[in-house]
């Protein structure tokens, strides 16, 4: 077992993200997990991620605030506190915080 305290989490800059801060909580380097990694994303108002897809599976769990996850065909999922969303491999998505409050989201992604 390995405990990670928030004060020890290291920030990282995910590609194609803007007006946000991301912290890596668990991963190969942080705790030795081999199947997946977990991060905490804090999105400022109008912060988000550009439309993109990766071969990894993703789970989004909103802890606080609200984010909108949209697809290339204009489908939109509004996630509020305690809502979660599964994004499959190679499924494109964009993320935006359309509110005037910060939003925090737990992100779990598989390694490929």
PDB file of N, CA and C in Angstrom:
ATOM      1  N   UNK A   1       0.838  -1.176   0.000  1.00  0.00           N
ATOM      2  CA  UNK A   1       0.000   0.000   0.000  1.00  0.00           C
ATOM      3  C   UNK A   1       0.876   1.230   0.000  1.00  0.00           C
ATOM      4  N   UNK A   2       0.354   2.297  -0.586  1.00  0.00           N
ATOM      5  CA  UNK A   2       1.078   3.558  -0.574  1.00  0.00           C
ATOM      6  C   UNK A   2       0.080   4.704  -0.498  1.00  0.00           C
ATOM      7  N   UNK A   3       0.186   5.472   0.567  1.00  0.00           N
ATOM      8  CA  UNK A   3      -0.679   6.628   0.775  1.00  0.00           C
ATOM      9  C   UNK A   3      -0.080   7.832   0.059  1.00  0.00           C
ATOM     10  N   UNK A   4      -0.947   8.622  -0.578  1.00  0.00           N
ATOM     11  CA  UNK A   4      -0.526   9.870  -1.201  1.00  0.00           C
ATOM     12  C   UNK A   4      -1.310  10.999  -0.547  1.00  0.00           C
ATOM     13  N   UNK A   5      -0.601  11.947   0.039  1.00  0.00           N
ATOM     14  CA  UNK A   5      -1.253  13.117   0.601  1.00  0.00           C
ATOM     15  C   UNK A   5      -1.286  14.205  -0.461  1.00  0.00           C
ATOM     16  N   UNK A   6      -2.362  14.963  -0.476  1.00  0.00           N
ATOM     17  CA  UNK A   6      -2.535  16.005  -1.487  1.00  0.00           C
ATOM     18  C   UNK A   6      -1.336  16.946  -1.523  1.00  0.00           C
ATOM     19  N   UNK A   7      -0.771  17.261  -0.382  1.00  0.00           N
ATOM     20  CA  UNK A   7       0.376  18.184  -0.326  1.00  0.00           C
ATOM     21  C   UNK A   7       1.593  17.647  -1.068  1.00  0.00           C
ATOM     22  N   UNK A   8       1.642  16.326  -1.284  1.00  0.00           N
ATOM     23  CA  UNK A   8       2.779  15.713  -1.967  1.00  0.00           C
ATOM     24  C   UNK A   8       2.536  15.470  -3.450  1.00  0.00           C
ATOM     25  N   UNK A   9       1.311  15.693  -3.919  1.00  0.00           N
ATOM     26  CA  UNK A   9       0.979  15.464  -5.330  1.00  0.00           C
ATOM     27  C   UNK A   9       1.703  16.478  -6.210  1.00  0.00           C
ATOM     28  N   UNK A  10       2.216  16.001  -7.332  1.00  0.00           N
ATOM     29  CA  UNK A  10       2.973  16.854  -8.251  1.00  0.00           C
ATOM     30  C   UNK A  10       2.094  17.318  -9.408  1.00  0.00           C
ATOM     31  N   UNK A  11       2.171  18.616  -9.736  1.00  0.00           N
ATOM     32  CA  UNK A  11       1.409  19.113 -10.880  1.00  0.00           C
ATOM     33  C   UNK A  11       2.022  18.626 -12.192  1.00  0.00           C
ATOM     34  N   UNK A  12       1.197  18.513 -13.200  1.00  0.00           N
ATOM     35  CA  UNK A  12       1.656  18.181 -14.547  1.00  0.00           C
ATOM     36  C   UNK A  12       0.789  18.951 -15.538  1.00  0.00           C
ATOM     37  N   UNK A  13       1.261  19.086 -16.751  1.00  0.00           N
ATOM     38  CA  UNK A  13       0.555  19.849 -17.784  1.00  0.00           C
ATOM     39  C   UNK A  13       0.043  18.900 -18.864  1.00  0.00           C
ATOM     40  N   UNK A  14      -1.231  18.504 -18.776  1.00  0.00           N
ATOM     41  CA  UNK A  14      -1.752  17.620 -19.817  1.00  0.00           C
ATOM     42  C   UNK A  14      -1.862  18.361 -21.149  1.00  0.00           C
ATOM     43  N   UNK A  15      -1.551  17.682 -22.250  1.00  0.00           N
ATOM     44  CA  UNK A  15      -1.628  18.342 -23.552  1.00  0.00           C
ATOM     45  C   UNK A  15      -3.054  18.784 -23.870  1.00  0.00           C
ATOM     46  N   UNK A  16      -3.153  19.895 -24.568  1.00  0.00           N
ATOM     47  CA  UNK A  16      -4.429  20.428 -25.081  1.00  0.00           C
ATOM     48  C   UNK A  16      -5.391  20.854 -23.978  1.00  0.00           C
ATOM     49  N   UNK A  17      -4.924  21.062 -22.765  1.00  0.00           N
ATOM     50  CA  UNK A  17      -5.744  21.572 -21.663  1.00  0.00           C
ATOM     51  C   UNK A  17      -5.407  23.039 -21.438  1.00  0.00           C
ATOM     52  N   UNK A  18      -6.356  23.801 -20.906  1.00  0.00           N
ATOM     53  CA  UNK A  18      -6.148  25.227 -20.715  1.00  0.00           C
ATOM     54  C   UNK A  18      -6.905  25.719 -19.483  1.00  0.00           C
ATOM     55  N   UNK A  19      -6.376  26.762 -18.858  1.00  0.00           N
ATOM     56  CA  UNK A  19      -6.988  27.368 -17.667  1.00  0.00           C
ATOM     57  C   UNK A  19      -7.351  26.318 -16.618  1.00  0.00           C
ATOM     58  N   UNK A  20      -6.378  25.493 -16.321  1.00  0.00           N
ATOM     59  CA  UNK A  20      -6.606  24.429 -15.330  1.00  0.00           C
ATOM     60  C   UNK A  20      -5.283  24.011 -14.723  1.00  0.00           C
ATOM     61  N   UNK A  21      -5.377  23.328 -13.602  1.00  0.00           N
ATOM     62  CA  UNK A  21      -4.214  22.731 -12.951  1.00  0.00           C
ATOM     63  C   UNK A  21      -4.508  21.259 -12.725  1.00  0.00           C
ATOM     64  N   UNK A  22      -3.539  20.418 -13.034  1.00  0.00           N
ATOM     65  CA  UNK A  22      -3.694  18.978 -12.858  1.00  0.00           C
ATOM     66  C   UNK A  22      -2.634  18.469 -11.887  1.00  0.00           C
ATOM     67  N   UNK A  23      -3.043  17.576 -11.009  1.00  0.00           N
ATOM     68  CA  UNK A  23      -2.134  16.948 -10.053  1.00  0.00           C
ATOM     69  C   UNK A  23      -2.175  15.439 -10.255  1.00  0.00           C
ATOM     70  N   UNK A  24      -1.007  14.820 -10.348  1.00  0.00           N
ATOM     71  CA  UNK A  24      -0.929  13.366 -10.479  1.00  0.00           C
ATOM     72  C   UNK A  24      -0.960  12.777  -9.075  1.00  0.00           C
ATOM     73  N   UNK A  25      -1.932  11.919  -8.795  1.00  0.00           N
ATOM     74  CA  UNK A  25      -2.063  11.292  -7.480  1.00  0.00           C
ATOM     75  C   UNK A  25      -1.455   9.899  -7.446  1.00  0.00           C
ATOM     76  N   UNK A  26      -1.779   9.087  -8.441  1.00  0.00           N
ATOM     77  CA  UNK A  26      -1.286   7.708  -8.512  1.00  0.00           C
ATOM     78  C   UNK A  26      -0.856   7.408  -9.936  1.00  0.00           C
ATOM     79  N   UNK A  27       0.177   6.633 -10.073  1.00  0.00           N
ATOM     80  CA  UNK A  27       0.686   6.213 -11.367  1.00  0.00           C
ATOM     81  C   UNK A  27       1.941   5.386 -11.158  1.00  0.00           C
ATOM     82  N   UNK A  28       2.570   4.975 -12.234  1.00  0.00           N
ATOM     83  CA  UNK A  28       3.774   4.139 -12.135  1.00  0.00           C
ATOM     84  C   UNK A  28       4.847   4.807 -11.291  1.00  0.00           C
ATOM     85  N   UNK A  29       5.091   6.092 -11.528  1.00  0.00           N
ATOM     86  CA  UNK A  29       6.147   6.796 -10.785  1.00  0.00           C
ATOM     87  C   UNK A  29       5.735   7.119  -9.358  1.00  0.00           C
ATOM     88  N   UNK A  30       4.465   7.460  -9.155  1.00  0.00           N
ATOM     89  CA  UNK A  30       4.017   7.907  -7.836  1.00  0.00           C
ATOM     90  C   UNK A  30       3.828   6.750  -6.857  1.00  0.00           C
ATOM     91  N   UNK A  31       3.140   5.705  -7.289  1.00  0.00           N
ATOM     92  CA  UNK A  31       2.823   4.618  -6.363  1.00  0.00           C
ATOM     93  C   UNK A  31       3.070   3.226  -6.933  1.00  0.00           C
ATOM     94  N   UNK A  32       3.521   3.152  -8.188  1.00  0.00           N
ATOM     95  CA  UNK A  32       3.825   1.858  -8.786  1.00  0.00           C
ATOM     96  C   UNK A  32       2.646   1.157  -9.439  1.00  0.00           C
ATOM     97  N   UNK A  33       1.473   1.798  -9.480  1.00  0.00           N
ATOM     98  CA  UNK A  33       0.332   1.152 -10.118  1.00  0.00           C
ATOM     99  C   UNK A  33       0.632   0.899 -11.595  1.00  0.00           C
ATOM    100  N   UNK A  34       0.275  -0.273 -12.101  1.00  0.00           N
ATOM    101  CA  UNK A  34       0.642  -0.695 -13.450  1.00  0.00           C
ATOM    102  C   UNK A  34      -0.506  -0.640 -14.455  1.00  0.00           C
ATOM    103  N   UNK A  35      -1.733  -0.640 -13.996  1.00  0.00           N
ATOM    104  CA  UNK A  35      -2.887  -0.739 -14.894  1.00  0.00           C
ATOM    105  C   UNK A  35      -3.508   0.612 -15.245  1.00  0.00           C
ATOM    106  N   UNK A  36      -3.394   1.575 -14.311  1.00  0.00           N
ATOM    107  CA  UNK A  36      -4.073   2.859 -14.486  1.00  0.00           C
ATOM    108  C   UNK A  36      -3.366   3.931 -13.698  1.00  0.00           C
ATOM    109  N   UNK A  37      -3.738   5.174 -13.957  1.00  0.00           N
ATOM    110  CA  UNK A  37      -3.249   6.278 -13.142  1.00  0.00           C
ATOM    111  C   UNK A  37      -4.420   7.176 -12.797  1.00  0.00           C
ATOM    112  N   UNK A  38      -4.238   7.993 -11.757  1.00  0.00           N
ATOM    113  CA  UNK A  38      -5.319   8.846 -11.284  1.00  0.00           C
ATOM    114  C   UNK A  38      -4.786  10.253 -11.061  1.00  0.00           C
ATOM    115  N   UNK A  39      -5.560  11.221 -11.514  1.00  0.00           N
ATOM    116  CA  UNK A  39      -5.198  12.612 -11.335  1.00  0.00           C
ATOM    117  C   UNK A  39      -6.378  13.417 -10.823  1.00  0.00           C
ATOM    118  N   UNK A  40      -6.069  14.610 -10.370  1.00  0.00           N
ATOM    119  CA  UNK A  40      -7.072  15.547  -9.890  1.00  0.00           C
ATOM    120  C   UNK A  40      -6.937  16.801 -10.730  1.00  0.00           C
ATOM    121  N   UNK A  41      -8.001  17.165 -11.441  1.00  0.00           N
ATOM    122  CA  UNK A  41      -7.992  18.337 -12.312  1.00  0.00           C
ATOM    123  C   UNK A  41      -8.851  19.430 -11.712  1.00  0.00           C
ATOM    124  N   UNK A  42      -8.290  20.639 -11.649  1.00  0.00           N
ATOM    125  CA  UNK A  42      -9.019  21.815 -11.182  1.00  0.00           C
ATOM    126  C   UNK A  42      -9.176  22.755 -12.378  1.00  0.00           C
ATOM    127  N   UNK A  43     -10.417  22.945 -12.824  1.00  0.00           N
ATOM    128  CA  UNK A  43     -10.716  23.792 -13.974  1.00  0.00           C
ATOM    129  C   UNK A  43     -11.232  25.150 -13.512  1.00  0.00           C
ATOM    130  N   UNK A  44     -10.590  26.209 -13.951  1.00  0.00           N
ATOM    131  CA  UNK A  44     -11.090  27.556 -13.694  1.00  0.00           C
ATOM    132  C   UNK A  44     -12.304  27.816 -14.583  1.00  0.00           C
ATOM    133  N   UNK A  45     -13.078  28.872 -14.326  1.00  0.00           N
ATOM    134  CA  UNK A  45     -14.145  29.235 -15.256  1.00  0.00           C
ATOM    135  C   UNK A  45     -13.569  29.376 -16.673  1.00  0.00           C
ATOM    136  N   UNK A  46     -14.253  28.808 -17.630  1.00  0.00           N
ATOM    137  CA  UNK A  46     -13.840  28.761 -19.040  1.00  0.00           C
ATOM    138  C   UNK A  46     -12.601  27.907 -19.279  1.00  0.00           C
ATOM    139  N   UNK A  47     -12.187  27.140 -18.297  1.00  0.00           N
ATOM    140  CA  UNK A  47     -11.068  26.223 -18.482  1.00  0.00           C
ATOM    141  C   UNK A  47     -11.568  24.897 -19.030  1.00  0.00           C
ATOM    142  N   UNK A  48     -10.678  24.143 -19.637  1.00  0.00           N
ATOM    143  CA  UNK A  48     -11.098  22.854 -20.168  1.00  0.00           C
ATOM    144  C   UNK A  48     -10.019  22.141 -20.947  1.00  0.00           C
ATOM    145  N   UNK A  49     -10.468  21.328 -21.898  1.00  0.00           N
ATOM    146  CA  UNK A  49      -9.580  20.551 -22.762  1.00  0.00           C
ATOM    147  C   UNK A  49     -10.155  20.551 -24.167  1.00  0.00           C
ATOM    148  N   UNK A  50      -9.270  20.678 -25.151  1.00  0.00           N
ATOM    149  CA  UNK A  50      -9.691  20.657 -26.552  1.00  0.00           C
ATOM    150  C   UNK A  50     -10.194  19.274 -26.943  1.00  0.00           C
ATOM    151  N   UNK A  51     -10.939  19.224 -28.044  1.00  0.00           N
ATOM    152  CA  UNK A  51     -11.416  17.945 -28.571  1.00  0.00           C
ATOM    153  C   UNK A  51     -10.209  17.066 -28.882  1.00  0.00           C
ATOM    154  N   UNK A  52     -10.210  15.858 -28.341  1.00  0.00           N
ATOM    155  CA  UNK A  52      -9.091  14.940 -28.539  1.00  0.00           C
ATOM    156  C   UNK A  52      -9.541  13.535 -28.178  1.00  0.00           C
ATOM    157  N   UNK A  53      -8.802  12.554 -28.658  1.00  0.00           N
ATOM    158  CA  UNK A  53      -9.072  11.149 -28.345  1.00  0.00           C
ATOM    159  C   UNK A  53      -7.744  10.446 -28.098  1.00  0.00           C
ATOM    160  N   UNK A  54      -7.764   9.456 -27.223  1.00  0.00           N
ATOM    161  CA  UNK A  54      -6.580   8.627 -26.970  1.00  0.00           C
ATOM    162  C   UNK A  54      -7.031   7.171 -26.916  1.00  0.00           C
ATOM    163  N   UNK A  55      -6.106   6.220 -27.027  1.00  0.00           N
ATOM    164  CA  UNK A  55      -6.489   4.807 -26.957  1.00  0.00           C
ATOM    165  C   UNK A  55      -6.844   4.335 -25.543  1.00  0.00           C
ATOM    166  N   UNK A  56      -6.667   5.176 -24.551  1.00  0.00           N
ATOM    167  CA  UNK A  56      -6.938   4.780 -23.164  1.00  0.00           C
ATOM    168  C   UNK A  56      -8.408   4.974 -22.799  1.00  0.00           C
ATOM    169  N   UNK A  57      -8.876   4.145 -21.854  1.00  0.00           N
ATOM    170  CA  UNK A  57     -10.197   4.360 -21.259  1.00  0.00           C
ATOM    171  C   UNK A  57     -10.055   5.418 -20.174  1.00  0.00           C
ATOM    172  N   UNK A  58     -11.117   6.219 -19.995  1.00  0.00           N
ATOM    173  CA  UNK A  58     -11.080   7.282 -18.996  1.00  0.00           C
ATOM    174  C   UNK A  58     -12.350   7.260 -18.162  1.00  0.00           C
ATOM    175  N   UNK A  59     -12.198   7.588 -16.892  1.00  0.00           N
ATOM    176  CA  UNK A  59     -13.333   7.811 -16.000  1.00  0.00           C
ATOM    177  C   UNK A  59     -13.191   9.209 -15.431  1.00  0.00           C
ATOM    178  N   UNK A  60     -14.264   9.985 -15.513  1.00  0.00           N
ATOM    179  CA  UNK A  60     -14.302  11.327 -14.934  1.00  0.00           C
ATOM    180  C   UNK A  60     -15.306  11.313 -13.792  1.00  0.00           C
ATOM    181  N   UNK A  61     -14.912  11.862 -12.646  1.00  0.00           N
ATOM    182  CA  UNK A  61     -15.796  11.959 -11.492  1.00  0.00           C
ATOM    183  C   UNK A  61     -15.680  13.381 -10.948  1.00  0.00           C
ATOM    184  N   UNK A  62     -16.762  14.145 -11.060  1.00  0.00           N
ATOM    185  CA  UNK A  62     -16.737  15.536 -10.614  1.00  0.00           C
ATOM    186  C   UNK A  62     -16.923  15.583  -9.103  1.00  0.00           C
ATOM    187  N   UNK A  63     -15.970  16.220  -8.441  1.00  0.00           N
ATOM    188  CA  UNK A  63     -16.008  16.358  -6.988  1.00  0.00           C
ATOM    189  C   UNK A  63     -16.736  17.636  -6.575  1.00  0.00           C
ATOM    190  N   UNK A  64     -16.506  18.697  -7.334  1.00  0.00           N
ATOM    191  CA  UNK A  64     -17.060  20.014  -7.023  1.00  0.00           C
ATOM    192  C   UNK A  64     -17.284  20.771  -8.314  1.00  0.00           C
ATOM    193  N   UNK A  65     -18.325  21.603  -8.348  1.00  0.00           N
ATOM    194  CA  UNK A  65     -18.561  22.436  -9.515  1.00  0.00           C
ATOM    195  C   UNK A  65     -19.259  21.681 -10.628  1.00  0.00           C
ATOM    196  N   UNK A  66     -19.000  22.122 -11.857  1.00  0.00           N
ATOM    197  CA  UNK A  66     -19.700  21.568 -13.016  1.00  0.00           C
ATOM    198  C   UNK A  66     -18.817  21.689 -14.252  1.00  0.00           C
ATOM    199  N   UNK A  67     -18.766  20.631 -15.043  1.00  0.00           N
ATOM    200  CA  UNK A  67     -18.079  20.663 -16.335  1.00  0.00           C
ATOM    201  C   UNK A  67     -19.004  20.066 -17.390  1.00  0.00           C
ATOM    202  N   UNK A  68     -18.788  20.475 -18.629  1.00  0.00           N
ATOM    203  CA  UNK A  68     -19.527  19.914 -19.753  1.00  0.00           C
ATOM    204  C   UNK A  68     -18.547  19.160 -20.630  1.00  0.00           C
ATOM    205  N   UNK A  69     -18.858  17.902 -20.906  1.00  0.00           N
ATOM    206  CA  UNK A  69     -18.042  17.065 -21.784  1.00  0.00           C
ATOM    207  C   UNK A  69     -18.837  16.888 -23.073  1.00  0.00           C
ATOM    208  N   UNK A  70     -18.234  17.283 -24.190  1.00  0.00           N
ATOM    209  CA  UNK A  70     -18.946  17.199 -25.467  1.00  0.00           C
ATOM    210  C   UNK A  70     -18.217  16.275 -26.435  1.00  0.00           C
ATOM    211  N   UNK A  71     -18.974  15.784 -27.407  1.00  0.00           N
ATOM    212  CA  UNK A  71     -18.466  14.861 -28.405  1.00  0.00           C
ATOM    213  C   UNK A  71     -18.424  15.566 -29.763  1.00  0.00           C
ATOM    214  N   UNK A  72     -17.732  14.987 -30.746  1.00  0.00           N
ATOM    215  CA  UNK A  72     -17.669  15.614 -32.071  1.00  0.00           C
ATOM    216  C   UNK A  72     -19.047  15.792 -32.715  1.00  0.00           C
ATOM    217  N   UNK A  73     -20.006  14.942 -32.380  1.00  0.00           N
ATOM    218  CA  UNK A  73     -21.347  15.067 -32.964  1.00  0.00           C
ATOM    219  C   UNK A  73     -22.258  15.982 -32.144  1.00  0.00           C
ATOM    220  N   UNK A  74     -21.643  16.810 -31.290  1.00  0.00           N
ATOM    221  CA  UNK A  74     -22.333  17.856 -30.509  1.00  0.00           C
ATOM    222  C   UNK A  74     -23.172  17.338 -29.357  1.00  0.00           C
ATOM    223  N   UNK A  75     -23.010  16.084 -28.971  1.00  0.00           N
ATOM    224  CA  UNK A  75     -23.677  15.596 -27.768  1.00  0.00           C
ATOM    225  C   UNK A  75     -22.942  16.177 -26.568  1.00  0.00           C
ATOM    226  N   UNK A  76     -23.679  16.610 -25.550  1.00  0.00           N
ATOM    227  CA  UNK A  76     -23.057  17.239 -24.379  1.00  0.00           C
ATOM    228  C   UNK A  76     -23.544  16.556 -23.107  1.00  0.00           C
ATOM    229  N   UNK A  77     -22.604  16.289 -22.213  1.00  0.00           N
ATOM    230  CA  UNK A  77     -22.900  15.706 -20.909  1.00  0.00           C
ATOM    231  C   UNK A  77     -22.503  16.730 -19.846  1.00  0.00           C
ATOM    232  N   UNK A  78     -23.464  17.249 -19.122  1.00  0.00           N
ATOM    233  CA  UNK A  78     -23.185  18.179 -18.041  1.00  0.00           C
ATOM    234  C   UNK A  78     -23.002  17.356 -16.772  1.00  0.00           C
ATOM    235  N   UNK A  79     -21.811  17.446 -16.201  1.00  0.00           N
ATOM    236  CA  UNK A  79     -21.482  16.688 -15.000  1.00  0.00           C
ATOM    237  C   UNK A  79     -21.402  17.644 -13.820  1.00  0.00           C
ATOM    238  N   UNK A  80     -22.189  17.351 -12.806  1.00  0.00           N
ATOM    239  CA  UNK A  80     -22.175  18.133 -11.571  1.00  0.00           C
ATOM    240  C   UNK A  80     -21.544  17.279 -10.474  1.00  0.00           C
ATOM    241  N   UNK A  81     -21.393  17.853  -9.287  1.00  0.00           N
ATOM    242  CA  UNK A  81     -20.771  17.134  -8.186  1.00  0.00           C
ATOM    243  C   UNK A  81     -21.384  15.751  -8.007  1.00  0.00           C
ATOM    244  N   UNK A  82     -20.527  14.764  -7.938  1.00  0.00           N
ATOM    245  CA  UNK A  82     -20.845  13.352  -7.731  1.00  0.00           C
ATOM    246  C   UNK A  82     -21.332  12.645  -8.992  1.00  0.00           C
ATOM    247  N   UNK A  83     -21.356  13.336 -10.144  1.00  0.00           N
ATOM    248  CA  UNK A  83     -21.656  12.685 -11.419  1.00  0.00           C
ATOM    249  C   UNK A  83     -20.359  12.119 -11.985  1.00  0.00           C
ATOM    250  N   UNK A  84     -20.487  11.041 -12.773  1.00  0.00           N
ATOM    251  CA  UNK A  84     -19.306  10.457 -13.402  1.00  0.00           C
ATOM    252  C   UNK A  84     -19.617  10.100 -14.850  1.00  0.00           C
ATOM    253  N   UNK A  85     -18.558   9.903 -15.628  1.00  0.00           N
ATOM    254  CA  UNK A  85     -18.698   9.621 -17.052  1.00  0.00           C
ATOM    255  C   UNK A  85     -17.592   8.676 -17.481  1.00  0.00           C
ATOM    256  N   UNK A  86     -17.941   7.684 -18.285  1.00  0.00           N
ATOM    257  CA  UNK A  86     -16.971   6.778 -18.896  1.00  0.00           C
ATOM    258  C   UNK A  86     -16.712   7.263 -20.321  1.00  0.00           C
ATOM    259  N   UNK A  87     -15.426   7.365 -20.698  1.00  0.00           N
ATOM    260  CA  UNK A  87     -15.030   7.708 -22.063  1.00  0.00           C
ATOM    261  C   UNK A  87     -14.222   6.526 -22.590  1.00  0.00           C
ATOM    262  N   UNK A  88     -14.724   5.896 -23.637  1.00  0.00           N
ATOM    263  CA  UNK A  88     -14.087   4.695 -24.173  1.00  0.00           C
ATOM    264  C   UNK A  88     -12.833   4.974 -24.975  1.00  0.00           C
ATOM    265  N   UNK A  89     -12.087   3.922 -25.297  1.00  0.00           N
ATOM    266  CA  UNK A  89     -10.871   4.062 -26.093  1.00  0.00           C
ATOM    267  C   UNK A  89     -11.174   4.742 -27.430  1.00  0.00           C
ATOM    268  N   UNK A  90     -10.325   5.684 -27.820  1.00  0.00           N
ATOM    269  CA  UNK A  90     -10.437   6.408 -29.092  1.00  0.00           C
ATOM    270  C   UNK A  90     -11.728   7.209 -29.239  1.00  0.00           C
ATOM    271  N   UNK A  91     -12.422   7.448 -28.143  1.00  0.00           N
ATOM    272  CA  UNK A  91     -13.624   8.278 -28.158  1.00  0.00           C
ATOM    273  C   UNK A  91     -13.198   9.732 -27.950  1.00  0.00           C
ATOM    274  N   UNK A  92     -13.507  10.581 -28.919  1.00  0.00           N
ATOM    275  CA  UNK A  92     -13.114  11.991 -28.804  1.00  0.00           C
ATOM    276  C   UNK A  92     -14.047  12.723 -27.852  1.00  0.00           C
ATOM    277  N   UNK A  93     -13.455  13.686 -27.120  1.00  0.00           N
ATOM    278  CA  UNK A  93     -14.232  14.492 -26.188  1.00  0.00           C
ATOM    279  C   UNK A  93     -13.540  15.837 -25.986  1.00  0.00           C
ATOM    280  N   UNK A  94     -14.332  16.832 -25.635  1.00  0.00           N
ATOM    281  CA  UNK A  94     -13.820  18.128 -25.198  1.00  0.00           C
ATOM    282  C   UNK A  94     -14.430  18.394 -23.831  1.00  0.00           C
ATOM    283  N   UNK A  95     -13.727  19.185 -23.010  1.00  0.00           N
ATOM    284  CA  UNK A  95     -14.207  19.517 -21.671  1.00  0.00           C
ATOM    285  C   UNK A  95     -14.204  21.029 -21.525  1.00  0.00           C
ATOM    286  N   UNK A  96     -15.260  21.583 -20.903  1.00  0.00           N
ATOM    287  CA  UNK A  96     -15.282  23.020 -20.621  1.00  0.00           C
ATOM    288  C   UNK A  96     -16.037  23.272 -19.319  1.00  0.00           C
ATOM    289  N   UNK A  97     -15.532  24.214 -18.546  1.00  0.00           N
ATOM    290  CA  UNK A  97     -16.237  24.680 -17.356  1.00  0.00           C
ATOM    291  C   UNK A  97     -16.956  25.959 -17.778  1.00  0.00           C
ATOM    292  N   UNK A  98     -18.241  25.865 -18.025  1.00  0.00           N
ATOM    293  CA  UNK A  98     -19.042  26.995 -18.490  1.00  0.00           C
ATOM    294  C   UNK A  98     -19.578  27.856 -17.357  1.00  0.00           C
ATOM    295  N   UNK A  99     -19.130  27.627 -16.139  1.00  0.00           N
ATOM    296  CA  UNK A  99     -19.656  28.371 -15.000  1.00  0.00           C
ATOM    297  C   UNK A  99     -18.648  29.427 -14.535  1.00  0.00           C
ATOM    298  N   UNK A 100     -19.050  30.219 -13.578  1.00  0.00           N
ATOM    299  CA  UNK A 100     -18.164  31.219 -12.979  1.00  0.00           C
ATOM    300  C   UNK A 100     -17.522  30.718 -11.687  1.00  0.00           C
ATOM    301  N   UNK A 101     -17.603  29.410 -11.431  1.00  0.00           N
ATOM    302  CA  UNK A 101     -16.991  28.801 -10.255  1.00  0.00           C
ATOM    303  C   UNK A 101     -15.962  27.768 -10.699  1.00  0.00           C
ATOM    304  N   UNK A 102     -14.906  27.552  -9.921  1.00  0.00           N
ATOM    305  CA  UNK A 102     -13.967  26.481 -10.253  1.00  0.00           C
ATOM    306  C   UNK A 102     -14.647  25.111 -10.145  1.00  0.00           C
ATOM    307  N   UNK A 103     -14.116  24.151 -10.876  1.00  0.00           N
ATOM    308  CA  UNK A 103     -14.614  22.774 -10.831  1.00  0.00           C
ATOM    309  C   UNK A 103     -13.441  21.843 -10.594  1.00  0.00           C
ATOM    310  N   UNK A 104     -13.659  20.791  -9.798  1.00  0.00           N
ATOM    311  CA  UNK A 104     -12.622  19.790  -9.523  1.00  0.00           C
ATOM    312  C   UNK A 104     -13.118  18.425  -9.969  1.00  0.00           C
ATOM    313  N   UNK A 105     -12.254  17.697 -10.672  1.00  0.00           N
ATOM    314  CA  UNK A 105     -12.653  16.418 -11.240  1.00  0.00           C
ATOM    315  C   UNK A 105     -11.543  15.387 -11.028  1.00  0.00           C
ATOM    316  N   UNK A 106     -11.923  14.228 -10.537  1.00  0.00           N
ATOM    317  CA  UNK A 106     -11.026  13.097 -10.430  1.00  0.00           C
ATOM    318  C   UNK A 106     -10.975  12.422 -11.806  1.00  0.00           C
ATOM    319  N   UNK A 107      -9.785  12.112 -12.293  1.00  0.00           N
ATOM    320  CA  UNK A 107      -9.603  11.509 -13.610  1.00  0.00           C
ATOM    321  C   UNK A 107      -8.829  10.209 -13.436  1.00  0.00           C
ATOM    322  N   UNK A 108      -9.393   9.119 -13.948  1.00  0.00           N
ATOM    323  CA  UNK A 108      -8.732   7.814 -13.893  1.00  0.00           C
ATOM    324  C   UNK A 108      -8.566   7.347 -15.327  1.00  0.00           C
ATOM    325  N   UNK A 109      -7.326   7.009 -15.698  1.00  0.00           N
ATOM    326  CA  UNK A 109      -7.021   6.641 -17.079  1.00  0.00           C
ATOM    327  C   UNK A 109      -6.190   5.364 -17.085  1.00  0.00           C
ATOM    328  N   UNK A 110      -6.525   4.451 -17.991  1.00  0.00           N
ATOM    329  CA  UNK A 110      -5.749   3.216 -18.132  1.00  0.00           C
ATOM    330  C   UNK A 110      -4.458   3.476 -18.891  1.00  0.00           C
ATOM    331  N   UNK A 111      -3.447   2.678 -18.613  1.00  0.00           N
ATOM    332  CA  UNK A 111      -2.223   2.705 -19.414  1.00  0.00           C
ATOM    333  C   UNK A 111      -2.446   1.855 -20.649  1.00  0.00           C
ATOM    334  N   UNK A 112      -1.851   2.234 -21.761  1.00  0.00           N
ATOM    335  CA  UNK A 112      -1.933   1.442 -23.000  1.00  0.00           C
ATOM    336  C   UNK A 112      -0.549   1.062 -23.429  1.00  0.00           C
TER     337      UNK A 112
END
